[in-house]
Amino acid sequence: MTEAKPTTPIRAIRAKCLDCCCGIQSEVRNCPTPDCPLYPYRMGHNPARKGLGGKIGNFSAEKGGTTAESEEAEEE
């Protein structure tokens, strides 16, 4: 018996949306059922996490930390 590859909840939701739309990605994007509980997650992203992550260098500079760029500016 082959083990199923583990998946994240977001990927499982995306797969369900693709299944609901007969595998047509453009139909998932243009989903005609906005009252579906999975609707906000249909594009494979969690809307509650919007704006989080991906800005490590800017984060430490905003919080009073240092980045390589700010250290170079201080040396000059």
N, C-alpha and C. Protein backbone atom coordinates (compact mmCIF):
# COMPACT_ATOMS: atom_id res chain seq x y z
N MET A 1 0.83 -1.18 0.00
CA MET A 1 0.00 0.00 0.00
C MET A 1 0.88 1.25 0.00
N THR A 2 0.58 2.20 -0.85
CA THR A 2 1.37 3.41 -0.96
C THR A 2 0.81 4.48 -0.02
N GLU A 3 1.72 5.13 0.72
CA GLU A 3 1.28 6.19 1.62
C GLU A 3 1.03 7.46 0.83
N ALA A 4 -0.03 8.17 1.22
CA ALA A 4 -0.34 9.44 0.57
C ALA A 4 0.64 10.50 1.04
N LYS A 5 1.02 11.38 0.14
CA LYS A 5 1.92 12.47 0.48
C LYS A 5 1.19 13.45 1.41
N PRO A 6 1.79 13.83 2.54
CA PRO A 6 1.12 14.76 3.44
C PRO A 6 0.88 16.11 2.75
N THR A 7 -0.22 16.72 3.07
CA THR A 7 -0.55 18.00 2.44
C THR A 7 -0.98 18.99 3.52
N THR A 8 -0.94 20.25 3.18
CA THR A 8 -1.38 21.28 4.11
C THR A 8 -2.89 21.48 3.96
N PRO A 9 -3.55 22.03 4.97
CA PRO A 9 -4.98 22.31 4.84
C PRO A 9 -5.28 23.24 3.66
N ILE A 10 -4.44 24.22 3.42
CA ILE A 10 -4.67 25.16 2.31
C ILE A 10 -4.61 24.43 0.98
N ARG A 11 -3.65 23.51 0.82
CA ARG A 11 -3.56 22.75 -0.43
C ARG A 11 -4.75 21.80 -0.59
N ALA A 12 -5.23 21.25 0.52
CA ALA A 12 -6.40 20.38 0.46
C ALA A 12 -7.64 21.18 0.04
N ILE A 13 -7.76 22.39 0.54
CA ILE A 13 -8.88 23.26 0.14
C ILE A 13 -8.78 23.59 -1.34
N ARG A 14 -7.59 23.93 -1.80
CA ARG A 14 -7.39 24.24 -3.21
C ARG A 14 -7.77 23.04 -4.08
N ALA A 15 -7.37 21.85 -3.65
CA ALA A 15 -7.70 20.64 -4.40
C ALA A 15 -9.21 20.42 -4.43
N LYS A 16 -9.89 20.69 -3.31
CA LYS A 16 -11.35 20.54 -3.27
C LYS A 16 -12.01 21.53 -4.22
N CYS A 17 -11.50 22.77 -4.25
CA CYS A 17 -12.06 23.78 -5.16
C CYS A 17 -11.85 23.38 -6.62
N LEU A 18 -10.68 22.84 -6.93
CA LEU A 18 -10.43 22.36 -8.29
C LEU A 18 -11.36 21.20 -8.64
N ASP A 19 -11.60 20.33 -7.68
CA ASP A 19 -12.51 19.21 -7.89
C ASP A 19 -13.93 19.73 -8.14
N CYS A 20 -14.35 20.70 -7.36
CA CYS A 20 -15.69 21.29 -7.50
C CYS A 20 -15.87 21.95 -8.87
N CYS A 21 -14.79 22.51 -9.40
CA CYS A 21 -14.83 23.22 -10.69
C CYS A 21 -14.32 22.36 -11.84
N CYS A 22 -14.41 21.05 -11.68
CA CYS A 22 -14.02 20.09 -12.72
C CYS A 22 -12.57 20.25 -13.18
N GLY A 23 -11.70 20.69 -12.28
CA GLY A 23 -10.28 20.80 -12.59
C GLY A 23 -9.89 22.01 -13.41
N ILE A 24 -10.81 22.95 -13.62
CA ILE A 24 -10.53 24.13 -14.45
C ILE A 24 -10.13 25.29 -13.53
N GLN A 25 -8.85 25.67 -13.61
CA GLN A 25 -8.32 26.70 -12.71
C GLN A 25 -9.03 28.04 -12.86
N SER A 26 -9.37 28.40 -14.07
CA SER A 26 -10.04 29.69 -14.27
C SER A 26 -11.42 29.70 -13.61
N GLU A 27 -12.05 28.55 -13.51
CA GLU A 27 -13.35 28.47 -12.84
C GLU A 27 -13.21 28.66 -11.34
N VAL A 28 -12.08 28.21 -10.78
CA VAL A 28 -11.83 28.43 -9.35
C VAL A 28 -11.67 29.92 -9.09
N ARG A 29 -10.93 30.60 -9.95
CA ARG A 29 -10.72 32.04 -9.80
C ARG A 29 -12.05 32.80 -9.90
N ASN A 30 -12.91 32.37 -10.80
CA ASN A 30 -14.20 33.04 -11.03
C ASN A 30 -15.34 32.29 -10.35
N CYS A 31 -15.08 31.73 -9.20
CA CYS A 31 -16.05 30.91 -8.48
C CYS A 31 -17.38 31.64 -8.33
N PRO A 32 -18.48 30.98 -8.75
CA PRO A 32 -19.80 31.62 -8.65
C PRO A 32 -20.48 31.40 -7.30
N THR A 33 -19.75 30.86 -6.30
CA THR A 33 -20.35 30.55 -5.01
C THR A 33 -19.62 31.25 -3.87
N PRO A 34 -19.76 32.57 -3.77
CA PRO A 34 -19.04 33.30 -2.72
C PRO A 34 -19.53 32.98 -1.31
N ASP A 35 -20.68 32.33 -1.17
CA ASP A 35 -21.16 31.97 0.17
C ASP A 35 -20.58 30.64 0.66
N CYS A 36 -19.74 29.99 -0.15
CA CYS A 36 -19.07 28.75 0.24
C CYS A 36 -18.06 29.07 1.34
N PRO A 37 -17.99 28.26 2.40
CA PRO A 37 -17.02 28.54 3.47
C PRO A 37 -15.57 28.46 3.03
N LEU A 38 -15.31 27.79 1.91
CA LEU A 38 -13.93 27.67 1.41
C LEU A 38 -13.56 28.81 0.46
N TYR A 39 -14.51 29.63 0.09
CA TYR A 39 -14.30 30.68 -0.93
C TYR A 39 -13.07 31.55 -0.65
N PRO A 40 -12.86 32.06 0.55
CA PRO A 40 -11.68 32.92 0.78
C PRO A 40 -10.35 32.20 0.60
N TYR A 41 -10.35 30.87 0.69
CA TYR A 41 -9.12 30.08 0.62
C TYR A 41 -8.90 29.45 -0.74
N ARG A 42 -9.81 29.66 -1.69
CA ARG A 42 -9.82 28.92 -2.95
C ARG A 42 -8.57 29.11 -3.80
N MET A 43 -7.85 30.21 -3.64
CA MET A 43 -6.67 30.46 -4.46
C MET A 43 -5.39 29.89 -3.84
N GLY A 44 -5.54 29.15 -2.75
CA GLY A 44 -4.39 28.50 -2.13
C GLY A 44 -3.65 29.37 -1.15
N HIS A 45 -4.31 30.42 -0.65
CA HIS A 45 -3.70 31.32 0.32
C HIS A 45 -4.67 31.55 1.46
N ASN A 46 -4.13 31.75 2.65
CA ASN A 46 -4.94 32.04 3.82
C ASN A 46 -5.07 33.56 3.93
N PRO A 47 -6.26 34.12 3.75
CA PRO A 47 -6.41 35.58 3.79
C PRO A 47 -6.09 36.18 5.16
N ALA A 48 -6.15 35.38 6.22
CA ALA A 48 -5.83 35.87 7.56
C ALA A 48 -4.34 36.14 7.71
N ARG A 49 -3.52 35.58 6.83
CA ARG A 49 -2.07 35.77 6.90
C ARG A 49 -1.57 36.82 5.91
N LYS A 50 -2.46 37.54 5.28
CA LYS A 50 -2.07 38.53 4.29
C LYS A 50 -1.15 39.57 4.94
N GLY A 51 -0.02 39.82 4.29
CA GLY A 51 0.93 40.82 4.77
C GLY A 51 1.96 40.27 5.74
N LEU A 52 1.87 39.00 6.10
CA LEU A 52 2.85 38.42 7.02
C LEU A 52 3.93 37.71 6.24
N GLY A 53 5.15 37.75 6.73
CA GLY A 53 6.25 37.01 6.13
C GLY A 53 6.83 37.65 4.89
N GLY A 54 8.00 37.19 4.51
CA GLY A 54 8.64 37.63 3.29
C GLY A 54 9.36 38.96 3.37
N LYS A 55 9.36 39.61 4.52
CA LYS A 55 10.00 40.92 4.63
C LYS A 55 10.93 40.94 5.85
N ILE A 56 11.81 39.97 5.91
CA ILE A 56 12.66 39.82 7.08
C ILE A 56 13.57 41.03 7.27
N GLY A 57 14.22 41.50 6.22
CA GLY A 57 15.13 42.64 6.35
C GLY A 57 14.41 43.91 6.78
N ASN A 58 13.26 44.18 6.23
CA ASN A 58 12.50 45.37 6.60
C ASN A 58 11.94 45.27 8.00
N PHE A 59 11.60 44.08 8.44
CA PHE A 59 11.01 43.90 9.75
C PHE A 59 11.95 44.33 10.85
N SER A 60 13.21 43.88 10.79
CA SER A 60 14.13 44.21 11.87
C SER A 60 14.48 45.70 11.87
N ALA A 61 14.51 46.33 10.70
CA ALA A 61 14.81 47.76 10.64
C ALA A 61 13.67 48.57 11.23
N GLU A 62 12.42 48.13 11.00
CA GLU A 62 11.26 48.84 11.53
C GLU A 62 11.19 48.72 13.04
N LYS A 63 11.66 47.62 13.59
CA LYS A 63 11.56 47.37 15.02
C LYS A 63 12.80 47.84 15.78
N GLY A 64 13.66 48.60 15.13
CA GLY A 64 14.83 49.13 15.82
C GLY A 64 16.05 48.23 15.71
N GLY A 65 15.94 47.13 15.01
CA GLY A 65 17.07 46.23 14.81
C GLY A 65 17.96 46.76 13.70
N THR A 66 18.90 45.95 13.30
CA THR A 66 19.80 46.37 12.23
C THR A 66 19.72 45.39 11.07
N THR A 67 19.98 45.90 9.91
CA THR A 67 20.10 45.07 8.72
C THR A 67 21.45 45.36 8.11
N ALA A 68 21.83 44.58 7.14
CA ALA A 68 23.12 44.80 6.47
C ALA A 68 23.15 46.19 5.85
N GLU A 69 22.03 46.64 5.28
CA GLU A 69 21.99 47.96 4.65
C GLU A 69 22.14 49.08 5.69
N SER A 70 21.48 48.93 6.85
CA SER A 70 21.58 50.00 7.84
C SER A 70 22.97 50.02 8.47
N GLU A 71 23.62 48.86 8.62
CA GLU A 71 24.96 48.81 9.14
C GLU A 71 25.95 49.48 8.20
N GLU A 72 25.76 49.28 6.87
CA GLU A 72 26.64 49.92 5.89
C GLU A 72 26.47 51.43 5.93
N ALA A 73 25.25 51.91 6.09
CA ALA A 73 25.00 53.35 6.15
C ALA A 73 25.64 53.98 7.37
N GLU A 74 25.66 53.23 8.50
CA GLU A 74 26.27 53.76 9.73
C GLU A 74 27.78 53.84 9.61
N GLU A 75 28.41 52.94 8.83
CA GLU A 75 29.85 52.92 8.68
C GLU A 75 30.34 54.12 7.88
N GLU A 76 29.52 54.66 6.99
CA GLU A 76 29.93 55.78 6.14
C GLU A 76 29.95 57.04 6.87
